[in-house]
PDB file of N, CA and C in Angstrom:
ATOM      1  N   MET A   1       0.821  -1.197   0.000  1.00  0.00           N
ATOM      2  CA  MET A   1       0.000   0.000   0.000  1.00  0.00           C
ATOM      3  C   MET A   1       0.866   1.262   0.000  1.00  0.00           C
ATOM      4  N   LYS A   2       1.986   1.235   0.702  1.00  0.00           N
ATOM      5  CA  LYS A   2       2.868   2.391   0.787  1.00  0.00           C
ATOM      6  C   LYS A   2       3.376   2.797  -0.600  1.00  0.00           C
ATOM      7  N   GLU A   3       3.692   1.809  -1.417  1.00  0.00           N
ATOM      8  CA  GLU A   3       4.193   2.071  -2.771  1.00  0.00           C
ATOM      9  C   GLU A   3       3.110   2.720  -3.640  1.00  0.00           C
ATOM     10  N   ILE A   4       1.879   2.285  -3.503  1.00  0.00           N
ATOM     11  CA  ILE A   4       0.766   2.864  -4.263  1.00  0.00           C
ATOM     12  C   ILE A   4       0.569   4.328  -3.864  1.00  0.00           C
ATOM     13  N   LYS A   5       0.624   4.602  -2.573  1.00  0.00           N
ATOM     14  CA  LYS A   5       0.454   5.981  -2.109  1.00  0.00           C
ATOM     15  C   LYS A   5       1.545   6.874  -2.685  1.00  0.00           C
ATOM     16  N   LYS A   6       2.771   6.420  -2.676  1.00  0.00           N
ATOM     17  CA  LYS A   6       3.880   7.205  -3.212  1.00  0.00           C
ATOM     18  C   LYS A   6       3.669   7.488  -4.695  1.00  0.00           C
ATOM     19  N   LYS A   7       3.234   6.478  -5.435  1.00  0.00           N
ATOM     20  CA  LYS A   7       2.989   6.668  -6.866  1.00  0.00           C
ATOM     21  C   LYS A   7       1.847   7.659  -7.094  1.00  0.00           C
ATOM     22  N   TYR A   8       0.849   7.620  -6.214  1.00  0.00           N
ATOM     23  CA  TYR A   8      -0.260   8.566  -6.332  1.00  0.00           C
ATOM     24  C   TYR A   8       0.232   9.986  -6.044  1.00  0.00           C
ATOM     25  N   TYR A   9       1.064  10.152  -5.040  1.00  0.00           N
ATOM     26  CA  TYR A   9       1.610  11.472  -4.722  1.00  0.00           C
ATOM     27  C   TYR A   9       2.371  12.039  -5.926  1.00  0.00           C
ATOM     28  N   VAL A  10       3.155  11.188  -6.585  1.00  0.00           N
ATOM     29  CA  VAL A  10       3.916  11.611  -7.760  1.00  0.00           C
ATOM     30  C   VAL A  10       2.962  11.987  -8.896  1.00  0.00           C
ATOM     31  N   ALA A  11       1.940  11.165  -9.132  1.00  0.00           N
ATOM     32  CA  ALA A  11       0.963  11.454 -10.186  1.00  0.00           C
ATOM     33  C   ALA A  11       0.210  12.756  -9.883  1.00  0.00           C
ATOM     34  N   PHE A  12      -0.129  12.976  -8.619  1.00  0.00           N
ATOM     35  CA  PHE A  12      -0.808  14.200  -8.217  1.00  0.00           C
ATOM     36  C   PHE A  12       0.097  15.403  -8.501  1.00  0.00           C
ATOM     37  N   GLY A  13       1.365  15.285  -8.170  1.00  0.00           N
ATOM     38  CA  GLY A  13       2.329  16.356  -8.427  1.00  0.00           C
ATOM     39  C   GLY A  13       2.491  16.646  -9.905  1.00  0.00           C
ATOM     40  N   GLN A  14       2.501  15.592 -10.718  1.00  0.00           N
ATOM     41  CA  GLN A  14       2.598  15.771 -12.164  1.00  0.00           C
ATOM     42  C   GLN A  14       1.362  16.492 -12.699  1.00  0.00           C
ATOM     43  N   ASN A  15       0.203  16.136 -12.163  1.00  0.00           N
ATOM     44  CA  ASN A  15      -1.016  16.816 -12.583  1.00  0.00           C
ATOM     45  C   ASN A  15      -0.998  18.275 -12.125  1.00  0.00           C
ATOM     46  N   LEU A  16      -0.497  18.519 -10.933  1.00  0.00           N
ATOM     47  CA  LEU A  16      -0.375  19.889 -10.452  1.00  0.00           C
ATOM     48  C   LEU A  16       0.497  20.704 -11.410  1.00  0.00           C
ATOM     49  N   GLN A  17       1.588  20.130 -11.865  1.00  0.00           N
ATOM     50  CA  GLN A  17       2.462  20.830 -12.823  1.00  0.00           C
ATOM     51  C   GLN A  17       1.703  21.134 -14.112  1.00  0.00           C
ATOM     52  N   ARG A  18       0.913  20.180 -14.586  1.00  0.00           N
ATOM     53  CA  ARG A  18       0.120  20.391 -15.803  1.00  0.00           C
ATOM     54  C   ARG A  18      -0.863  21.538 -15.609  1.00  0.00           C
ATOM     55  N   VAL A  19      -1.560  21.531 -14.472  1.00  0.00           N
ATOM     56  CA  VAL A  19      -2.537  22.579 -14.178  1.00  0.00           C
ATOM     57  C   VAL A  19      -1.838  23.937 -14.071  1.00  0.00           C
ATOM     58  N   MET A  20      -0.684  23.955 -13.448  1.00  0.00           N
ATOM     59  CA  MET A  20       0.084  25.201 -13.355  1.00  0.00           C
ATOM     60  C   MET A  20       0.452  25.717 -14.737  1.00  0.00           C
ATOM     61  N   ASP A  21       0.923  24.825 -15.591  1.00  0.00           N
ATOM     62  CA  ASP A  21       1.289  25.211 -16.959  1.00  0.00           C
ATOM     63  C   ASP A  21       0.073  25.718 -17.728  1.00  0.00           C
ATOM     64  N   ASP A  22      -1.033  25.005 -17.614  1.00  0.00           N
ATOM     65  CA  ASP A  22      -2.264  25.397 -18.310  1.00  0.00           C
ATOM     66  C   ASP A  22      -2.754  26.771 -17.866  1.00  0.00           C
ATOM     67  N   ASN A  23      -2.571  27.071 -16.582  1.00  0.00           N
ATOM     68  CA  ASN A  23      -3.046  28.336 -16.021  1.00  0.00           C
ATOM     69  C   ASN A  23      -1.963  29.409 -15.963  1.00  0.00           C
ATOM     70  N   LYS A  24      -0.801  29.063 -16.492  1.00  0.00           N
ATOM     71  CA  LYS A  24       0.335  29.996 -16.532  1.00  0.00           C
ATOM     72  C   LYS A  24       0.624  30.617 -15.149  1.00  0.00           C
ATOM     73  N   LYS A  25       0.695  29.743 -14.155  1.00  0.00           N
ATOM     74  CA  LYS A  25       1.000  30.174 -12.787  1.00  0.00           C
ATOM     75  C   LYS A  25       2.284  29.490 -12.337  1.00  0.00           C
ATOM     76  N   ASP A  26       3.072  30.192 -11.553  1.00  0.00           N
ATOM     77  CA  ASP A  26       4.295  29.598 -11.016  1.00  0.00           C
ATOM     78  C   ASP A  26       4.133  29.335  -9.516  1.00  0.00           C
ATOM     79  N   VAL A  27       5.090  28.647  -8.969  1.00  0.00           N
ATOM     80  CA  VAL A  27       5.041  28.241  -7.565  1.00  0.00           C
ATOM     81  C   VAL A  27       4.971  29.460  -6.643  1.00  0.00           C
ATOM     82  N   MET A  28       5.720  30.488  -6.972  1.00  0.00           N
ATOM     83  CA  MET A  28       5.750  31.692  -6.148  1.00  0.00           C
ATOM     84  C   MET A  28       4.355  32.339  -6.090  1.00  0.00           C
ATOM     85  N   THR A  29       3.686  32.412  -7.207  1.00  0.00           N
ATOM     86  CA  THR A  29       2.341  32.996  -7.252  1.00  0.00           C
ATOM     87  C   THR A  29       1.360  32.156  -6.449  1.00  0.00           C
ATOM     88  N   ILE A  30       1.422  30.847  -6.624  1.00  0.00           N
ATOM     89  CA  ILE A  30       0.514  29.944  -5.906  1.00  0.00           C
ATOM     90  C   ILE A  30       0.713  30.097  -4.403  1.00  0.00           C
ATOM     91  N   ALA A  31       1.959  30.122  -3.979  1.00  0.00           N
ATOM     92  CA  ALA A  31       2.258  30.248  -2.553  1.00  0.00           C
ATOM     93  C   ALA A  31       1.775  31.590  -2.003  1.00  0.00           C
ATOM     94  N   SER A  32       2.013  32.637  -2.752  1.00  0.00           N
ATOM     95  CA  SER A  32       1.638  33.977  -2.294  1.00  0.00           C
ATOM     96  C   SER A  32       0.123  34.151  -2.224  1.00  0.00           C
ATOM     97  N   VAL A  33      -0.565  33.839  -3.300  1.00  0.00           N
ATOM     98  CA  VAL A  33      -2.025  34.010  -3.353  1.00  0.00           C
ATOM     99  C   VAL A  33      -2.723  33.029  -2.422  1.00  0.00           C
ATOM    100  N   GLY A  34      -2.221  31.799  -2.373  1.00  0.00           N
ATOM    101  CA  GLY A  34      -2.833  30.771  -1.535  1.00  0.00           C
ATOM    102  C   GLY A  34      -2.441  30.854  -0.068  1.00  0.00           C
ATOM    103  N   LYS A  35      -1.536  31.777   0.230  1.00  0.00           N
ATOM    104  CA  LYS A  35      -1.047  31.950   1.609  1.00  0.00           C
ATOM    105  C   LYS A  35      -0.541  30.630   2.194  1.00  0.00           C
ATOM    106  N   ILE A  36       0.392  30.046   1.456  1.00  0.00           N
ATOM    107  CA  ILE A  36       0.979  28.766   1.832  1.00  0.00           C
ATOM    108  C   ILE A  36       2.493  28.886   1.653  1.00  0.00           C
ATOM    109  N   GLU A  37       3.245  28.144   2.427  1.00  0.00           N
ATOM    110  CA  GLU A  37       4.695  28.206   2.309  1.00  0.00           C
ATOM    111  C   GLU A  37       5.156  27.640   0.969  1.00  0.00           C
ATOM    112  N   LEU A  38       6.140  28.286   0.404  1.00  0.00           N
ATOM    113  CA  LEU A  38       6.710  27.889  -0.873  1.00  0.00           C
ATOM    114  C   LEU A  38       7.169  26.431  -0.852  1.00  0.00           C
ATOM    115  N   LYS A  39       7.845  26.053   0.234  1.00  0.00           N
ATOM    116  CA  LYS A  39       8.369  24.685   0.317  1.00  0.00           C
ATOM    117  C   LYS A  39       7.241  23.649   0.334  1.00  0.00           C
ATOM    118  N   GLN A  40       6.078  24.022   0.853  1.00  0.00           N
ATOM    119  CA  GLN A  40       4.937  23.104   0.874  1.00  0.00           C
ATOM    120  C   GLN A  40       4.457  22.818  -0.547  1.00  0.00           C
ATOM    121  N   VAL A  41       4.401  23.858  -1.367  1.00  0.00           N
ATOM    122  CA  VAL A  41       3.993  23.675  -2.771  1.00  0.00           C
ATOM    123  C   VAL A  41       5.007  22.786  -3.479  1.00  0.00           C
ATOM    124  N   TYR A  42       6.293  23.039  -3.262  1.00  0.00           N
ATOM    125  CA  TYR A  42       7.330  22.212  -3.892  1.00  0.00           C
ATOM    126  C   TYR A  42       7.234  20.747  -3.449  1.00  0.00           C
ATOM    127  N   ARG A  43       6.937  20.508  -2.201  1.00  0.00           N
ATOM    128  CA  ARG A  43       6.828  19.118  -1.718  1.00  0.00           C
ATOM    129  C   ARG A  43       5.697  18.371  -2.425  1.00  0.00           C
ATOM    130  N   VAL A  44       4.580  19.051  -2.591  1.00  0.00           N
ATOM    131  CA  VAL A  44       3.443  18.426  -3.291  1.00  0.00           C
ATOM    132  C   VAL A  44       3.798  18.250  -4.764  1.00  0.00           C
ATOM    133  N   LEU A  45       4.352  19.267  -5.371  1.00  0.00           N
ATOM    134  CA  LEU A  45       4.730  19.230  -6.777  1.00  0.00           C
ATOM    135  C   LEU A  45       5.712  18.100  -7.072  1.00  0.00           C
ATOM    136  N   ASN A  46       6.626  17.862  -6.159  1.00  0.00           N
ATOM    137  CA  ASN A  46       7.642  16.816  -6.334  1.00  0.00           C
ATOM    138  C   ASN A  46       7.186  15.439  -5.862  1.00  0.00           C
ATOM    139  N   GLY A  47       5.950  15.344  -5.379  1.00  0.00           N
ATOM    140  CA  GLY A  47       5.433  14.051  -4.939  1.00  0.00           C
ATOM    141  C   GLY A  47       6.087  13.544  -3.668  1.00  0.00           C
ATOM    142  N   GLU A  48       6.619  14.444  -2.858  1.00  0.00           N
ATOM    143  CA  GLU A  48       7.304  14.036  -1.628  1.00  0.00           C
ATOM    144  C   GLU A  48       6.344  13.567  -0.545  1.00  0.00           C
ATOM    145  N   HIS A  49       5.134  14.111  -0.555  1.00  0.00           N
ATOM    146  CA  HIS A  49       4.130  13.650   0.401  1.00  0.00           C
ATOM    147  C   HIS A  49       2.747  14.059  -0.083  1.00  0.00           C
ATOM    148  N   GLY A  50       1.737  13.460   0.506  1.00  0.00           N
ATOM    149  CA  GLY A  50       0.365  13.794   0.160  1.00  0.00           C
ATOM    150  C   GLY A  50      -0.036  15.118   0.770  1.00  0.00           C
ATOM    151  N   ALA A  51      -0.853  15.841   0.056  1.00  0.00           N
ATOM    152  CA  ALA A  51      -1.303  17.148   0.529  1.00  0.00           C
ATOM    153  C   ALA A  51      -2.538  17.004   1.414  1.00  0.00           C
ATOM    154  N   SER A  52      -2.578  17.787   2.472  1.00  0.00           N
ATOM    155  CA  SER A  52      -3.772  17.820   3.324  1.00  0.00           C
ATOM    156  C   SER A  52      -4.868  18.594   2.583  1.00  0.00           C
ATOM    157  N   LEU A  53      -6.073  18.489   3.096  1.00  0.00           N
ATOM    158  CA  LEU A  53      -7.182  19.216   2.486  1.00  0.00           C
ATOM    159  C   LEU A  53      -6.912  20.722   2.504  1.00  0.00           C
ATOM    160  N   GLY A  54      -6.372  21.213   3.596  1.00  0.00           N
ATOM    161  CA  GLY A  54      -6.048  22.636   3.683  1.00  0.00           C
ATOM    162  C   GLY A  54      -5.035  23.064   2.642  1.00  0.00           C
ATOM    163  N   THR A  55      -4.027  22.233   2.415  1.00  0.00           N
ATOM    164  CA  THR A  55      -3.010  22.526   1.407  1.00  0.00           C
ATOM    165  C   THR A  55      -3.622  22.520   0.018  1.00  0.00           C
ATOM    166  N   ILE A  56      -4.473  21.555  -0.255  1.00  0.00           N
ATOM    167  CA  ILE A  56      -5.133  21.469  -1.563  1.00  0.00           C
ATOM    168  C   ILE A  56      -5.982  22.709  -1.815  1.00  0.00           C
ATOM    169  N   ILE A  57      -6.719  23.138  -0.808  1.00  0.00           N
ATOM    170  CA  ILE A  57      -7.548  24.338  -0.945  1.00  0.00           C
ATOM    171  C   ILE A  57      -6.671  25.567  -1.196  1.00  0.00           C
ATOM    172  N   SER A  58      -5.564  25.681  -0.480  1.00  0.00           N
ATOM    173  CA  SER A  58      -4.649  26.814  -0.672  1.00  0.00           C
ATOM    174  C   SER A  58      -4.034  26.813  -2.067  1.00  0.00           C
ATOM    175  N   ILE A  59      -3.629  25.654  -2.546  1.00  0.00           N
ATOM    176  CA  ILE A  59      -3.054  25.545  -3.888  1.00  0.00           C
ATOM    177  C   ILE A  59      -4.108  25.916  -4.927  1.00  0.00           C
ATOM    178  N   ALA A  60      -5.318  25.413  -4.765  1.00  0.00           N
ATOM    179  CA  ALA A  60      -6.399  25.735  -5.701  1.00  0.00           C
ATOM    180  C   ALA A  60      -6.670  27.241  -5.708  1.00  0.00           C
ATOM    181  N   LYS A  61      -6.668  27.851  -4.533  1.00  0.00           N
ATOM    182  CA  LYS A  61      -6.872  29.297  -4.440  1.00  0.00           C
ATOM    183  C   LYS A  61      -5.760  30.031  -5.196  1.00  0.00           C
ATOM    184  N   GLY A  62      -4.534  29.587  -5.015  1.00  0.00           N
ATOM    185  CA  GLY A  62      -3.401  30.191  -5.705  1.00  0.00           C
ATOM    186  C   GLY A  62      -3.473  30.045  -7.210  1.00  0.00           C
ATOM    187  N   LEU A  63      -4.112  28.972  -7.656  1.00  0.00           N
ATOM    188  CA  LEU A  63      -4.284  28.727  -9.099  1.00  0.00           C
ATOM    189  C   LEU A  63      -5.571  29.344  -9.645  1.00  0.00           C
ATOM    190  N   ASP A  64      -6.425  29.823  -8.746  1.00  0.00           N
ATOM    191  CA  ASP A  64      -7.733  30.368  -9.108  1.00  0.00           C
ATOM    192  C   ASP A  64      -8.589  29.308  -9.821  1.00  0.00           C
ATOM    193  N   ILE A  65      -8.616  28.113  -9.210  1.00  0.00           N
ATOM    194  CA  ILE A  65      -9.417  27.010  -9.737  1.00  0.00           C
ATOM    195  C   ILE A  65     -10.179  26.360  -8.581  1.00  0.00           C
ATOM    196  N   GLU A  66     -11.087  25.468  -8.919  1.00  0.00           N
ATOM    197  CA  GLU A  66     -11.772  24.661  -7.915  1.00  0.00           C
ATOM    198  C   GLU A  66     -10.835  23.525  -7.490  1.00  0.00           C
ATOM    199  N   PRO A  67     -10.817  23.150  -6.215  1.00  0.00           N
ATOM    200  CA  PRO A  67      -9.931  22.072  -5.760  1.00  0.00           C
ATOM    201  C   PRO A  67     -10.101  20.765  -6.538  1.00  0.00           C
ATOM    202  N   LYS A  68     -11.306  20.470  -6.977  1.00  0.00           N
ATOM    203  CA  LYS A  68     -11.539  19.207  -7.695  1.00  0.00           C
ATOM    204  C   LYS A  68     -10.711  19.091  -8.967  1.00  0.00           C
ATOM    205  N   GLU A  69     -10.322  20.230  -9.553  1.00  0.00           N
ATOM    206  CA  GLU A  69      -9.519  20.197 -10.770  1.00  0.00           C
ATOM    207  C   GLU A  69      -8.136  19.583 -10.528  1.00  0.00           C
ATOM    208  N   LEU A  70      -7.664  19.634  -9.302  1.00  0.00           N
ATOM    209  CA  LEU A  70      -6.363  19.054  -8.986  1.00  0.00           C
ATOM    210  C   LEU A  70      -6.391  17.520  -9.001  1.00  0.00           C
ATOM    211  N   PHE A  71      -7.599  16.965  -8.970  1.00  0.00           N
ATOM    212  CA  PHE A  71      -7.753  15.504  -8.966  1.00  0.00           C
ATOM    213  C   PHE A  71      -8.177  14.957 -10.319  1.00  0.00           C
ATOM    214  N   ASP A  72      -8.176  15.805 -11.335  1.00  0.00           N
ATOM    215  CA  ASP A  72      -8.643  15.410 -12.659  1.00  0.00           C
ATOM    216  C   ASP A  72      -7.510  14.782 -13.469  1.00  0.00           C
ATOM    217  N   PHE A  73      -7.158  13.567 -13.075  1.00  0.00           N
ATOM    218  CA  PHE A  73      -6.136  12.805 -13.797  1.00  0.00           C
ATOM    219  C   PHE A  73      -6.400  11.323 -13.595  1.00  0.00           C
ATOM    220  N   LYS A  74      -5.869  10.526 -14.486  1.00  0.00           N
ATOM    221  CA  LYS A  74      -6.061   9.078 -14.420  1.00  0.00           C
ATOM    222  C   LYS A  74      -5.013   8.453 -13.518  1.00  0.00           C
ATOM    223  N   PHE A  75      -5.487   7.554 -12.680  1.00  0.00           N
ATOM    224  CA  PHE A  75      -4.580   6.772 -11.838  1.00  0.00           C
ATOM    225  C   PHE A  75      -5.219   5.403 -11.671  1.00  0.00           C
ATOM    226  N   ASP A  76      -4.625   4.418 -12.289  1.00  0.00           N
ATOM    227  CA  ASP A  76      -5.185   3.074 -12.282  1.00  0.00           C
ATOM    228  C   ASP A  76      -4.626   2.265 -11.094  1.00  0.00           C
ATOM    229  N   LEU A  77      -5.461   2.070 -10.099  1.00  0.00           N
ATOM    230  CA  LEU A  77      -5.049   1.314  -8.915  1.00  0.00           C
ATOM    231  C   LEU A  77      -4.720  -0.147  -9.242  1.00  0.00           C
ATOM    232  N   GLU A  78      -5.362  -0.665 -10.254  1.00  0.00           N
ATOM    233  CA  GLU A  78      -5.135  -2.067 -10.629  1.00  0.00           C
ATOM    234  C   GLU A  78      -3.728  -2.278 -11.175  1.00  0.00           C
ATOM    235  N   LYS A  79      -3.226  -1.319 -11.926  1.00  0.00           N
ATOM    236  CA  LYS A  79      -1.896  -1.451 -12.532  1.00  0.00           C
ATOM    237  C   LYS A  79      -0.797  -1.025 -11.574  1.00  0.00           C
ATOM    238  N   GLU A  80      -1.138  -0.214 -10.628  1.00  0.00           N
ATOM    239  CA  GLU A  80      -0.137   0.288  -9.687  1.00  0.00           C
ATOM    240  C   GLU A  80       0.050  -0.754  -8.636  1.00  0.00           C
TER     241      GLU A  80
END
């Protein structure tokens, strides 16, 4: 189970990068607008750990999107 969680964290971070690119936002902007520490955004982006609900809401605020958009990616539990 630990390996699946790590792979999900990485996939979530990759999707976050895609959303950032699509919305033309950088980490500094997300951290500033979302009122979250820069290192926290980098940890999520790099798949170092799972984001709490509060972190997800802050990142979404920084991106000016709904939090659900951060989960809009495919992750096949059967293959992982």
